[in-house]
Amino acid sequence: MENEYLLKKAEALNIYALSLSRATSEDEKKALINNIRDLINDLRKIRVHYRKIQMLIFPYLEKRGISAVPRVLWAREDEIIVKLRGMVKLLESNDYMQIAKRASEIANGISEIIFRENKILFPAVWVLLSEGEWAAINDEANKIGWLVNVDVKWTPRGKPTMPYEVKVVSGEVLEKLPQEMKIMALAGGIKPDEYELIRSGDLNLETGFINLDELKSLIKSLPLEVTFADVNDRVRFFSEGKFHKGFARSKNILGRRVEYCHPPRLEAFIKKVLNELKSGAKDYEVFWTKMGDRIIRVMVVALRNDEGKYLGALEIVEDLTEIVENPEEVKKKILVI
């Protein structure tokens, strides 16, 4: 359904591009430019469609040893994203012939990818993936969102199966593949991914698995520092960053009331913030301060479980001096992806 929607937009874009290349009057050209701009804005939402393909479907192919096909498709999809981004700037110019040419390229590129998805990718994953795998894809796809209205709610019979849970039987993949996909897959070679994600001693953090040593190093490597106070407002944990140092803390504060970790003049303010987080009046509070010549942003965030029960508060301290004082320099470093 998304591909039908995108194909109609691409076909319309091609028609307007052809009309623009043949237009003679300035008024006609401007009207066509407006139509093309509207379509480009609509088509920029295509990233939502591609994200589901790239992040939800491709991992199951890669697990089965089919990596060349996803890489080729992703490269083509990325070309479209880059061209759509460039088209926004090009539309501000009066280079009508270049606009028409680029619009046509985008339309044809989208149509080609849709053809590959409909005729090669989807038939292959339809026969390869189990209901459990589709259940996992469905759960995550609903979080990402859709370009079309999805009125039907699917209730799978099987338990969601993540890519790392898939057990690949040697030879089974090639045997099931439709001919078109088989040719493409063989060209890139098929070698099932036998990597085992979950190791003995790993912590299950819901969004991934990590051992204690990795977790400690990960927290230390964050460009910020955190302090956790539990439901009783007692400090239970703080991090020490490798980068800019935030507020002075030591292990002596563990078990201490969090408001006592601040000057007495701030005690009432800290209690007020915590009470607002506990009551649900707020989910977080942000304030700014200075340490010497450094500009510090402090966020105090309520931690709640899946049922909404308050677990405590997390204080996040970030040094944002460079961003505040040199915004133009920071903008120069931005890498658009």
C-alpha atoms as a PDB file:
ATOM      1  CA  MET A   1       0.000   0.000   0.000  1.00  0.00           C
ATOM      2  CA  GLU A   2       2.864   2.361   0.728  1.00  0.00           C
ATOM      3  CA  ASN A   3       4.441   1.504  -2.604  1.00  0.00           C
ATOM      4  CA  GLU A   4       1.145   2.201  -4.399  1.00  0.00           C
ATOM      5  CA  TYR A   5       1.004   5.573  -2.667  1.00  0.00           C
ATOM      6  CA  LEU A   6       4.631   6.392  -3.546  1.00  0.00           C
ATOM      7  CA  LEU A   7       4.258   5.195  -7.128  1.00  0.00           C
ATOM      8  CA  LYS A   8       1.332   7.549  -7.721  1.00  0.00           C
ATOM      9  CA  LYS A   9       3.365  10.451  -6.325  1.00  0.00           C
ATOM     10  CA  ALA A  10       6.355   9.492  -8.490  1.00  0.00           C
ATOM     11  CA  GLU A  11       4.211   9.223 -11.639  1.00  0.00           C
ATOM     12  CA  ALA A  12       2.701  12.634 -10.946  1.00  0.00           C
ATOM     13  CA  LEU A  13       6.189  14.088 -10.405  1.00  0.00           C
ATOM     14  CA  ASN A  14       7.321  12.701 -13.767  1.00  0.00           C
ATOM     15  CA  ILE A  15       4.345  14.267 -15.523  1.00  0.00           C
ATOM     16  CA  TYR A  16       5.001  17.674 -13.969  1.00  0.00           C
ATOM     17  CA  ALA A  17       8.714  17.399 -14.780  1.00  0.00           C
ATOM     18  CA  LEU A  18       7.942  16.669 -18.436  1.00  0.00           C
ATOM     19  CA  SER A  19       5.460  19.557 -18.556  1.00  0.00           C
ATOM     20  CA  LEU A  20       8.022  21.910 -17.006  1.00  0.00           C
ATOM     21  CA  SER A  21      10.631  20.962 -19.604  1.00  0.00           C
ATOM     22  CA  ARG A  22       8.135  21.941 -22.339  1.00  0.00           C
ATOM     23  CA  ALA A  23       6.535  24.996 -20.698  1.00  0.00           C
ATOM     24  CA  THR A  24       7.002  28.352 -22.399  1.00  0.00           C
ATOM     25  CA  SER A  25       5.216  30.933 -20.248  1.00  0.00           C
ATOM     26  CA  GLU A  26       6.604  32.112 -16.920  1.00  0.00           C
ATOM     27  CA  ASP A  27       3.221  31.720 -15.189  1.00  0.00           C
ATOM     28  CA  GLU A  28       2.952  28.105 -16.324  1.00  0.00           C
ATOM     29  CA  LYS A  29       6.479  27.371 -15.118  1.00  0.00           C
ATOM     30  CA  LYS A  30       5.792  28.891 -11.691  1.00  0.00           C
ATOM     31  CA  ALA A  31       2.582  26.881 -11.307  1.00  0.00           C
ATOM     32  CA  LEU A  32       4.405  23.679 -12.214  1.00  0.00           C
ATOM     33  CA  ILE A  33       7.208  24.517  -9.782  1.00  0.00           C
ATOM     34  CA  ASN A  34       4.628  24.833  -6.987  1.00  0.00           C
ATOM     35  CA  ASN A  35       3.152  21.448  -7.899  1.00  0.00           C
ATOM     36  CA  ILE A  36       6.607  19.866  -7.976  1.00  0.00           C
ATOM     37  CA  ARG A  37       7.458  21.442  -4.605  1.00  0.00           C
ATOM     38  CA  ASP A  38       4.320  19.960  -3.029  1.00  0.00           C
ATOM     39  CA  LEU A  39       5.153  16.518  -4.408  1.00  0.00           C
ATOM     40  CA  ILE A  40       8.765  16.718  -3.242  1.00  0.00           C
ATOM     41  CA  ASN A  41       7.583  17.612   0.276  1.00  0.00           C
ATOM     42  CA  ASP A  42       5.278  14.581   0.202  1.00  0.00           C
ATOM     43  CA  LEU A  43       7.963  12.299  -1.170  1.00  0.00           C
ATOM     44  CA  ARG A  44      10.467  13.312   1.497  1.00  0.00           C
ATOM     45  CA  LYS A  45       8.326  11.229   3.855  1.00  0.00           C
ATOM     46  CA  ILE A  46       9.646   8.217   1.912  1.00  0.00           C
ATOM     47  CA  ARG A  47      12.318   7.868   4.598  1.00  0.00           C
ATOM     48  CA  VAL A  48       9.604   6.335   6.825  1.00  0.00           C
ATOM     49  CA  HIS A  49       9.063   3.597   4.232  1.00  0.00           C
ATOM     50  CA  TYR A  50      12.765   2.986   3.670  1.00  0.00           C
ATOM     51  CA  ARG A  51      13.467   2.919   7.419  1.00  0.00           C
ATOM     52  CA  LYS A  52      11.096  -0.033   7.819  1.00  0.00           C
ATOM     53  CA  ILE A  53      12.771  -1.886   4.941  1.00  0.00           C
ATOM     54  CA  GLN A  54      16.310  -1.132   6.120  1.00  0.00           C
ATOM     55  CA  MET A  55      15.899  -1.629   9.864  1.00  0.00           C
ATOM     56  CA  LEU A  56      13.213  -4.302  10.054  1.00  0.00           C
ATOM     57  CA  ILE A  57      13.457  -6.536   6.974  1.00  0.00           C
ATOM     58  CA  PHE A  58      17.120  -6.386   5.968  1.00  0.00           C
ATOM     59  CA  PRO A  59      18.404  -7.841   9.300  1.00  0.00           C
ATOM     60  CA  TYR A  60      16.468 -11.075   8.642  1.00  0.00           C
ATOM     61  CA  LEU A  61      18.032 -11.397   5.179  1.00  0.00           C
ATOM     62  CA  GLU A  62      21.513 -10.678   6.534  1.00  0.00           C
ATOM     63  CA  LYS A  63      21.051 -13.323   9.231  1.00  0.00           C
ATOM     64  CA  ARG A  64      20.375 -15.820   6.423  1.00  0.00           C
ATOM     65  CA  GLY A  65      23.567 -14.756   4.648  1.00  0.00           C
ATOM     66  CA  ILE A  66      21.914 -12.532   2.042  1.00  0.00           C
ATOM     67  CA  SER A  67      23.827  -9.278   2.472  1.00  0.00           C
ATOM     68  CA  ALA A  68      24.524  -8.110  -1.082  1.00  0.00           C
ATOM     69  CA  VAL A  69      20.872  -7.485  -1.953  1.00  0.00           C
ATOM     70  CA  PRO A  70      20.173  -5.276   1.087  1.00  0.00           C
ATOM     71  CA  ARG A  71      23.345  -3.254   0.470  1.00  0.00           C
ATOM     72  CA  VAL A  72      22.402  -2.607  -3.181  1.00  0.00           C
ATOM     73  CA  LEU A  73      18.838  -1.623  -2.306  1.00  0.00           C
ATOM     74  CA  TRP A  74      19.931   0.599   0.582  1.00  0.00           C
ATOM     75  CA  ALA A  75      22.433   2.386  -1.682  1.00  0.00           C
ATOM     76  CA  ARG A  76      19.655   3.101  -4.199  1.00  0.00           C
ATOM     77  CA  GLU A  77      17.336   4.290  -1.439  1.00  0.00           C
ATOM     78  CA  ASP A  78      20.040   6.556  -0.058  1.00  0.00           C
ATOM     79  CA  GLU A  79      20.536   8.106  -3.492  1.00  0.00           C
ATOM     80  CA  ILE A  80      16.855   9.045  -3.525  1.00  0.00           C
ATOM     81  CA  ILE A  81      17.058  10.611  -0.047  1.00  0.00           C
ATOM     82  CA  VAL A  82      20.089  12.700  -1.050  1.00  0.00           C
ATOM     83  CA  LYS A  83      18.460  13.820  -4.323  1.00  0.00           C
ATOM     84  CA  LEU A  84      15.236  14.778  -2.547  1.00  0.00           C
ATOM     85  CA  ARG A  85      17.238  16.847  -0.075  1.00  0.00           C
ATOM     86  CA  GLY A  86      19.106  18.564  -2.910  1.00  0.00           C
ATOM     87  CA  MET A  87      15.862  19.170  -4.772  1.00  0.00           C
ATOM     88  CA  VAL A  88      14.539  21.373  -1.971  1.00  0.00           C
ATOM     89  CA  LYS A  89      17.423  23.801  -2.512  1.00  0.00           C
ATOM     90  CA  LEU A  90      17.271  23.530  -6.314  1.00  0.00           C
ATOM     91  CA  LEU A  91      13.598  24.558  -6.278  1.00  0.00           C
ATOM     92  CA  GLU A  92      14.616  27.966  -4.945  1.00  0.00           C
ATOM     93  CA  SER A  93      16.496  28.646  -8.197  1.00  0.00           C
ATOM     94  CA  ASN A  94      15.143  29.589 -11.616  1.00  0.00           C
ATOM     95  CA  ASP A  95      16.940  26.755 -13.371  1.00  0.00           C
ATOM     96  CA  TYR A  96      13.756  25.180 -14.727  1.00  0.00           C
ATOM     97  CA  MET A  97      15.451  22.692 -17.022  1.00  0.00           C
ATOM     98  CA  GLN A  98      17.670  21.389 -14.225  1.00  0.00           C
ATOM     99  CA  ILE A  99      14.658  21.139 -11.913  1.00  0.00           C
ATOM    100  CA  ALA A 100      12.748  19.167 -14.534  1.00  0.00           C
ATOM    101  CA  LYS A 101      15.705  16.870 -15.127  1.00  0.00           C
ATOM    102  CA  ARG A 102      16.300  16.206 -11.409  1.00  0.00           C
ATOM    103  CA  ALA A 103      12.587  15.702 -10.702  1.00  0.00           C
ATOM    104  CA  SER A 104      12.407  13.109 -13.464  1.00  0.00           C
ATOM    105  CA  GLU A 105      15.497  11.319 -12.080  1.00  0.00           C
ATOM    106  CA  ILE A 106      13.908  11.167  -8.632  1.00  0.00           C
ATOM    107  CA  ALA A 107      10.604   9.874  -9.996  1.00  0.00           C
ATOM    108  CA  ASN A 108      12.298   7.183 -12.078  1.00  0.00           C
ATOM    109  CA  GLY A 109      14.561   6.206  -9.190  1.00  0.00           C
ATOM    110  CA  ILE A 110      11.622   5.752  -6.829  1.00  0.00           C
ATOM    111  CA  SER A 111       9.711   3.745  -9.433  1.00  0.00           C
ATOM    112  CA  GLU A 112      12.719   1.468 -10.001  1.00  0.00           C
ATOM    113  CA  ILE A 113      13.086   0.740  -6.280  1.00  0.00           C
ATOM    114  CA  ILE A 114       9.365   0.030  -5.970  1.00  0.00           C
ATOM    115  CA  PHE A 115       9.651  -2.443  -8.841  1.00  0.00           C
ATOM    116  CA  ARG A 116      12.577  -4.192  -7.129  1.00  0.00           C
ATOM    117  CA  GLU A 117      10.723  -4.339  -3.819  1.00  0.00           C
ATOM    118  CA  ASN A 118       7.460  -5.634  -5.310  1.00  0.00           C
ATOM    119  CA  LYS A 119       8.977  -8.129  -7.745  1.00  0.00           C
ATOM    120  CA  ILE A 120      12.117  -9.303  -5.925  1.00  0.00           C
ATOM    121  CA  LEU A 121      12.326  -8.332  -2.252  1.00  0.00           C
ATOM    122  CA  PHE A 122       8.774  -8.909  -1.032  1.00  0.00           C
ATOM    123  CA  PRO A 123       8.253 -12.290  -2.761  1.00  0.00           C
ATOM    124  CA  ALA A 124      11.519 -13.471  -1.191  1.00  0.00           C
ATOM    125  CA  VAL A 125      10.808 -12.384   2.380  1.00  0.00           C
ATOM    126  CA  TRP A 126       7.243 -13.696   2.063  1.00  0.00           C
ATOM    127  CA  VAL A 127       8.530 -17.260   1.670  1.00  0.00           C
ATOM    128  CA  LEU A 128      11.576 -16.906   3.925  1.00  0.00           C
ATOM    129  CA  LEU A 129      10.196 -15.294   7.067  1.00  0.00           C
ATOM    130  CA  SER A 130       8.147 -17.070   9.723  1.00  0.00           C
ATOM    131  CA  GLU A 131       5.035 -15.649  11.344  1.00  0.00           C
ATOM    132  CA  GLY A 132       7.083 -14.895  14.452  1.00  0.00           C
ATOM    133  CA  GLU A 133       9.493 -12.815  12.386  1.00  0.00           C
ATOM    134  CA  TRP A 134       6.606 -10.925  10.774  1.00  0.00           C
ATOM    135  CA  ALA A 135       5.163 -10.370  14.255  1.00  0.00           C
ATOM    136  CA  ALA A 136       8.404  -8.684  15.348  1.00  0.00           C
ATOM    137  CA  ILE A 137       8.476  -6.601  12.157  1.00  0.00           C
ATOM    138  CA  ASN A 138       4.846  -5.600  12.707  1.00  0.00           C
ATOM    139  CA  ASP A 139       5.485  -4.433  16.281  1.00  0.00           C
ATOM    140  CA  GLU A 140       8.398  -2.228  15.274  1.00  0.00           C
ATOM    141  CA  ALA A 141       6.755  -0.991  12.054  1.00  0.00           C
ATOM    142  CA  ASN A 142       3.819   0.359  14.033  1.00  0.00           C
ATOM    143  CA  LYS A 143       6.269   2.334  16.176  1.00  0.00           C
ATOM    144  CA  ILE A 144       7.960   3.830  13.106  1.00  0.00           C
ATOM    145  CA  GLY A 145       4.642   4.677  11.467  1.00  0.00           C
ATOM    146  CA  TRP A 146       3.047   4.377   8.048  1.00  0.00           C
ATOM    147  CA  LEU A 147       2.564   6.597   5.003  1.00  0.00           C
ATOM    148  CA  VAL A 148      -0.944   5.179   4.540  1.00  0.00           C
ATOM    149  CA  ASN A 149      -3.874   4.460   6.831  1.00  0.00           C
ATOM    150  CA  VAL A 150      -3.637   0.963   8.295  1.00  0.00           C
ATOM    151  CA  ASP A 151      -7.146   0.071   9.417  1.00  0.00           C
ATOM    152  CA  VAL A 152      -6.602  -3.636   9.999  1.00  0.00           C
ATOM    153  CA  LYS A 153      -4.997  -4.720  13.267  1.00  0.00           C
ATOM    154  CA  TRP A 154      -3.118  -8.004  12.866  1.00  0.00           C
ATOM    155  CA  THR A 155      -2.900 -10.358  15.826  1.00  0.00           C
ATOM    156  CA  PRO A 156      -0.192 -12.941  15.074  1.00  0.00           C
ATOM    157  CA  ARG A 157      -0.402 -16.450  16.458  1.00  0.00           C
ATOM    158  CA  GLY A 158       3.339 -16.723  17.017  1.00  0.00           C
ATOM    159  CA  LYS A 159       5.663 -15.029  19.487  1.00  0.00           C
ATOM    160  CA  PRO A 160       7.736 -12.212  17.926  1.00  0.00           C
ATOM    161  CA  THR A 161      11.100 -13.547  16.721  1.00  0.00           C
ATOM    162  CA  MET A 162      13.995 -11.106  16.517  1.00  0.00           C
ATOM    163  CA  PRO A 163      16.789 -11.542  13.926  1.00  0.00           C
ATOM    164  CA  TYR A 164      19.299 -12.652  16.576  1.00  0.00           C
ATOM    165  CA  GLU A 165      16.902 -15.445  17.590  1.00  0.00           C
ATOM    166  CA  VAL A 166      16.683 -16.922  14.085  1.00  0.00           C
ATOM    167  CA  LYS A 167      18.355 -20.315  13.614  1.00  0.00           C
ATOM    168  CA  VAL A 168      19.410 -20.765  10.002  1.00  0.00           C
ATOM    169  CA  VAL A 169      19.480 -24.235   8.479  1.00  0.00           C
ATOM    170  CA  SER A 170      22.287 -24.572   5.931  1.00  0.00           C
ATOM    171  CA  GLY A 171      20.970 -24.864   2.376  1.00  0.00           C
ATOM    172  CA  GLU A 172      17.407 -24.021   3.371  1.00  0.00           C
ATOM    173  CA  VAL A 173      17.670 -20.380   2.311  1.00  0.00           C
ATOM    174  CA  LEU A 174      18.769 -20.984  -1.271  1.00  0.00           C
ATOM    175  CA  GLU A 175      16.151 -23.676  -1.730  1.00  0.00           C
ATOM    176  CA  LYS A 176      13.295 -21.337  -0.762  1.00  0.00           C
ATOM    177  CA  LEU A 177      14.389 -18.248  -2.675  1.00  0.00           C
ATOM    178  CA  PRO A 178      12.399 -17.127  -5.735  1.00  0.00           C
ATOM    179  CA  GLN A 179      14.467 -17.230  -8.924  1.00  0.00           C
ATOM    180  CA  GLU A 180      14.989 -13.459  -9.231  1.00  0.00           C
ATOM    181  CA  MET A 181      16.301 -13.134  -5.677  1.00  0.00           C
ATOM    182  CA  LYS A 182      18.338 -16.329  -6.013  1.00  0.00           C
ATOM    183  CA  ILE A 183      20.281 -14.873  -8.941  1.00  0.00           C
ATOM    184  CA  MET A 184      21.028 -11.649  -7.057  1.00  0.00           C
ATOM    185  CA  ALA A 185      21.923 -13.467  -3.837  1.00  0.00           C
ATOM    186  CA  LEU A 186      24.254 -15.937  -5.537  1.00  0.00           C
ATOM    187  CA  ALA A 187      26.091 -13.057  -7.210  1.00  0.00           C
ATOM    188  CA  GLY A 188      26.978 -11.735  -3.756  1.00  0.00           C
ATOM    189  CA  GLY A 189      27.371 -15.124  -2.111  1.00  0.00           C
ATOM    190  CA  ILE A 190      25.328 -16.639   0.713  1.00  0.00           C
ATOM    191  CA  LYS A 191      26.920 -17.262   4.088  1.00  0.00           C
ATOM    192  CA  PRO A 192      24.528 -17.405   7.085  1.00  0.00           C
ATOM    193  CA  ASP A 193      25.436 -15.162  10.011  1.00  0.00           C
ATOM    194  CA  GLU A 194      26.278 -17.471  12.921  1.00  0.00           C
ATOM    195  CA  TYR A 195      27.048 -14.730  15.435  1.00  0.00           C
ATOM    196  CA  GLU A 196      25.455 -15.433  18.837  1.00  0.00           C
ATOM    197  CA  LEU A 197      24.277 -12.165  20.365  1.00  0.00           C
ATOM    198  CA  ILE A 198      23.492 -13.219  23.930  1.00  0.00           C
ATOM    199  CA  ARG A 199      26.430 -14.354  26.055  1.00  0.00           C
ATOM    200  CA  SER A 200      26.619 -15.846  29.517  1.00  0.00           C
ATOM    201  CA  GLY A 201      26.460 -13.047  32.078  1.00  0.00           C
ATOM    202  CA  ASP A 202      24.845 -10.502  29.794  1.00  0.00           C
ATOM    203  CA  LEU A 203      22.300  -8.080  31.241  1.00  0.00           C
ATOM    204  CA  ASN A 204      19.028  -7.849  29.301  1.00  0.00           C
ATOM    205  CA  LEU A 205      18.289  -4.121  29.006  1.00  0.00           C
ATOM    206  CA  GLU A 206      15.231  -4.663  26.765  1.00  0.00           C
ATOM    207  CA  THR A 207      16.849  -2.768  23.889  1.00  0.00           C
ATOM    208  CA  GLY A 208      19.983  -4.868  23.970  1.00  0.00           C
ATOM    209  CA  PHE A 209      22.372  -7.106  25.858  1.00  0.00           C
ATOM    210  CA  ILE A 210      25.552  -5.984  27.569  1.00  0.00           C
ATOM    211  CA  ASN A 211      27.856  -7.272  30.299  1.00  0.00           C
ATOM    212  CA  LEU A 212      28.815  -5.353  33.425  1.00  0.00           C
ATOM    213  CA  ASP A 213      32.310  -4.365  32.227  1.00  0.00           C
ATOM    214  CA  GLU A 214      30.889  -3.001  28.966  1.00  0.00           C
ATOM    215  CA  LEU A 215      28.165  -1.136  30.826  1.00  0.00           C
ATOM    216  CA  LYS A 216      30.642   0.524  33.189  1.00  0.00           C
ATOM    217  CA  SER A 217      32.840   1.631  30.292  1.00  0.00           C
ATOM    218  CA  LEU A 218      29.817   2.795  28.301  1.00  0.00           C
ATOM    219  CA  ILE A 219      28.590   5.026  31.128  1.00  0.00           C
ATOM    220  CA  LYS A 220      32.060   6.515  31.641  1.00  0.00           C
ATOM    221  CA  SER A 221      32.311   7.283  27.923  1.00  0.00           C
ATOM    222  CA  LEU A 222      29.122   9.329  27.724  1.00  0.00           C
ATOM    223  CA  PRO A 223      29.716  13.075  27.149  1.00  0.00           C
ATOM    224  CA  LEU A 224      27.716  13.832  30.297  1.00  0.00           C
ATOM    225  CA  GLU A 225      27.459  12.815  33.924  1.00  0.00           C
ATOM    226  CA  VAL A 226      24.462  11.407  35.761  1.00  0.00           C
ATOM    227  CA  THR A 227      23.341  10.980  39.350  1.00  0.00           C
ATOM    228  CA  PHE A 228      20.475   8.672  40.324  1.00  0.00           C
ATOM    229  CA  ALA A 229      18.358   9.219  43.421  1.00  0.00           C
ATOM    230  CA  ASP A 230      15.807   6.521  44.228  1.00  0.00           C
ATOM    231  CA  VAL A 231      12.148   6.796  45.274  1.00  0.00           C
ATOM    232  CA  ASN A 232      13.329   7.708  48.800  1.00  0.00           C
ATOM    233  CA  ASP A 233      15.420  10.602  47.400  1.00  0.00           C
ATOM    234  CA  ARG A 234      18.623   8.807  48.344  1.00  0.00           C
ATOM    235  CA  VAL A 235      21.630   8.852  46.041  1.00  0.00           C
ATOM    236  CA  ARG A 236      22.313   5.337  44.776  1.00  0.00           C
ATOM    237  CA  PHE A 237      24.608   5.928  41.800  1.00  0.00           C
ATOM    238  CA  PHE A 238      26.636   8.543  39.962  1.00  0.00           C
ATOM    239  CA  SER A 239      28.871   8.407  36.914  1.00  0.00           C
ATOM    240  CA  GLU A 240      32.315   9.839  36.310  1.00  0.00           C
ATOM    241  CA  GLY A 241      32.846  10.981  32.734  1.00  0.00           C
ATOM    242  CA  LYS A 242      36.020  10.854  30.651  1.00  0.00           C
ATOM    243  CA  PHE A 243      35.255  14.271  29.195  1.00  0.00           C
ATOM    244  CA  HIS A 244      34.311  17.520  30.925  1.00  0.00           C
ATOM    245  CA  LYS A 245      33.828  17.171  34.659  1.00  0.00           C
ATOM    246  CA  GLY A 246      30.495  18.277  36.112  1.00  0.00           C
ATOM    247  CA  PHE A 247      29.707  18.822  39.771  1.00  0.00           C
ATOM    248  CA  ALA A 248      32.138  17.544  42.400  1.00  0.00           C
ATOM    249  CA  ARG A 249      30.953  14.206  43.827  1.00  0.00           C
ATOM    250  CA  SER A 250      32.469  11.291  45.706  1.00  0.00           C
ATOM    251  CA  LYS A 251      31.372   7.874  46.912  1.00  0.00           C
ATOM    252  CA  ASN A 252      30.639   9.457  50.285  1.00  0.00           C
ATOM    253  CA  ILE A 253      27.324  10.763  48.905  1.00  0.00           C
ATOM    254  CA  LEU A 254      25.974   7.257  48.273  1.00  0.00           C
ATOM    255  CA  GLY A 255      22.942   6.811  50.510  1.00  0.00           C
ATOM    256  CA  ARG A 256      22.774  10.564  51.241  1.00  0.00           C
ATOM    257  CA  ARG A 257      19.558  12.546  50.787  1.00  0.00           C
ATOM    258  CA  VAL A 258      19.858  14.187  47.365  1.00  0.00           C
ATOM    259  CA  GLU A 259      18.788  17.640  48.576  1.00  0.00           C
ATOM    260  CA  TYR A 260      21.689  17.579  51.074  1.00  0.00           C
ATOM    261  CA  CYS A 261      24.080  17.267  48.122  1.00  0.00           C
ATOM    262  CA  HIS A 262      23.251  20.894  47.236  1.00  0.00           C
ATOM    263  CA  PRO A 263      23.756  24.192  49.073  1.00  0.00           C
ATOM    264  CA  PRO A 264      21.046  24.920  51.701  1.00  0.00           C
ATOM    265  CA  ARG A 265      19.771  27.853  49.610  1.00  0.00           C
ATOM    266  CA  LEU A 266      18.788  25.312  46.882  1.00  0.00           C
ATOM    267  CA  GLU A 267      17.245  22.723  49.203  1.00  0.00           C
ATOM    268  CA  ALA A 268      13.657  23.978  48.849  1.00  0.00           C
ATOM    269  CA  PHE A 269      14.042  24.168  45.069  1.00  0.00           C
ATOM    270  CA  ILE A 270      15.347  20.586  44.828  1.00  0.00           C
ATOM    271  CA  LYS A 271      12.467  19.299  46.982  1.00  0.00           C
ATOM    272  CA  LYS A 272       9.961  21.174  44.829  1.00  0.00           C
ATOM    273  CA  VAL A 273      11.378  19.637  41.636  1.00  0.00           C
ATOM    274  CA  LEU A 274      11.341  16.137  43.107  1.00  0.00           C
ATOM    275  CA  ASN A 275       7.764  16.511  44.342  1.00  0.00           C
ATOM    276  CA  GLU A 276       6.630  17.634  40.882  1.00  0.00           C
ATOM    277  CA  LEU A 277       8.315  14.613  39.315  1.00  0.00           C
ATOM    278  CA  LYS A 278       6.821  12.234  41.879  1.00  0.00           C
ATOM    279  CA  SER A 279       3.293  13.620  41.480  1.00  0.00           C
ATOM    280  CA  GLY A 280       3.459  13.389  37.689  1.00  0.00           C
ATOM    281  CA  ALA A 281       3.022  17.143  37.319  1.00  0.00           C
ATOM    282  CA  LYS A 282       6.245  17.109  35.324  1.00  0.00           C
ATOM    283  CA  ASP A 283       8.381  14.454  33.642  1.00  0.00           C
ATOM    284  CA  TYR A 284      11.539  16.569  33.740  1.00  0.00           C
ATOM    285  CA  GLU A 285      12.938  19.938  34.706  1.00  0.00           C
ATOM    286  CA  VAL A 286      15.736  21.834  32.960  1.00  0.00           C
ATOM    287  CA  PHE A 287      17.900  24.602  34.323  1.00  0.00           C
ATOM    288  CA  TRP A 288      21.191  26.210  33.378  1.00  0.00           C
ATOM    289  CA  THR A 289      24.158  27.213  35.511  1.00  0.00           C
ATOM    290  CA  LYS A 290      27.841  28.107  35.221  1.00  0.00           C
ATOM    291  CA  MET A 291      30.980  26.480  36.589  1.00  0.00           C
ATOM    292  CA  GLY A 292      33.829  28.915  36.118  1.00  0.00           C
ATOM    293  CA  ASP A 293      33.759  29.761  32.419  1.00  0.00           C
ATOM    294  CA  ARG A 294      31.765  26.634  31.519  1.00  0.00           C
ATOM    295  CA  ILE A 295      28.028  26.746  30.709  1.00  0.00           C
ATOM    296  CA  ILE A 296      26.227  23.743  32.158  1.00  0.00           C
ATOM    297  CA  ARG A 297      22.772  22.380  31.394  1.00  0.00           C
ATOM    298  CA  VAL A 298      21.166  20.284  34.118  1.00  0.00           C
ATOM    299  CA  MET A 299      18.158  18.041  33.450  1.00  0.00           C
ATOM    300  CA  VAL A 300      16.339  16.272  36.258  1.00  0.00           C
ATOM    301  CA  VAL A 301      14.250  13.461  34.762  1.00  0.00           C
ATOM    302  CA  ALA A 302      11.625  11.268  36.424  1.00  0.00           C
ATOM    303  CA  LEU A 303      12.285   7.540  36.055  1.00  0.00           C
ATOM    304  CA  ARG A 304       9.129   5.437  35.847  1.00  0.00           C
ATOM    305  CA  ASN A 305       8.508   1.764  35.113  1.00  0.00           C
ATOM    306  CA  ASP A 306       6.228   0.464  32.359  1.00  0.00           C
ATOM    307  CA  GLU A 307       3.213   0.915  34.639  1.00  0.00           C
ATOM    308  CA  GLY A 308       4.128   4.535  35.333  1.00  0.00           C
ATOM    309  CA  LYS A 309       5.291   3.939  38.907  1.00  0.00           C
ATOM    310  CA  TYR A 310       7.912   6.474  40.045  1.00  0.00           C
ATOM    311  CA  LEU A 311      11.327   4.848  40.559  1.00  0.00           C
ATOM    312  CA  GLY A 312      13.458   7.899  41.246  1.00  0.00           C
ATOM    313  CA  ALA A 313      15.102  10.870  39.581  1.00  0.00           C
ATOM    314  CA  LEU A 314      18.066  11.117  37.228  1.00  0.00           C
ATOM    315  CA  GLU A 315      20.155  14.272  37.195  1.00  0.00           C
ATOM    316  CA  ILE A 316      21.948  14.739  33.861  1.00  0.00           C
ATOM    317  CA  VAL A 317      24.776  17.277  33.695  1.00  0.00           C
ATOM    318  CA  GLU A 318      26.060  18.406  30.288  1.00  0.00           C
ATOM    319  CA  ASP A 319      28.742  20.921  29.369  1.00  0.00           C
ATOM    320  CA  LEU A 320      27.226  22.868  26.440  1.00  0.00           C
ATOM    321  CA  THR A 321      29.674  25.780  26.408  1.00  0.00           C
ATOM    322  CA  GLU A 322      30.744  25.274  22.804  1.00  0.00           C
ATOM    323  CA  ILE A 323      27.172  25.057  21.530  1.00  0.00           C
ATOM    324  CA  VAL A 324      26.054  28.184  23.395  1.00  0.00           C
ATOM    325  CA  GLU A 325      29.083  30.379  22.723  1.00  0.00           C
ATOM    326  CA  ASN A 326      30.048  29.215  19.226  1.00  0.00           C
ATOM    327  CA  PRO A 327      26.814  28.143  17.498  1.00  0.00           C
ATOM    328  CA  GLU A 328      28.056  29.095  14.030  1.00  0.00           C
ATOM    329  CA  GLU A 329      31.194  26.984  14.419  1.00  0.00           C
ATOM    330  CA  VAL A 330      29.079  24.064  15.573  1.00  0.00           C
ATOM    331  CA  LYS A 331      26.791  24.452  12.535  1.00  0.00           C
ATOM    332  CA  LYS A 332      29.840  24.156  10.259  1.00  0.00           C
ATOM    333  CA  LYS A 333      30.583  20.736  11.754  1.00  0.00           C
ATOM    334  CA  ILE A 334      27.089  19.358  11.092  1.00  0.00           C
ATOM    335  CA  LEU A 335      27.161  16.249   8.914  1.00  0.00           C
ATOM    336  CA  VAL A 336      23.829  15.635   7.185  1.00  0.00           C
ATOM    337  CA  ILE A 337      23.071  11.909   6.985  1.00  0.00           C
END
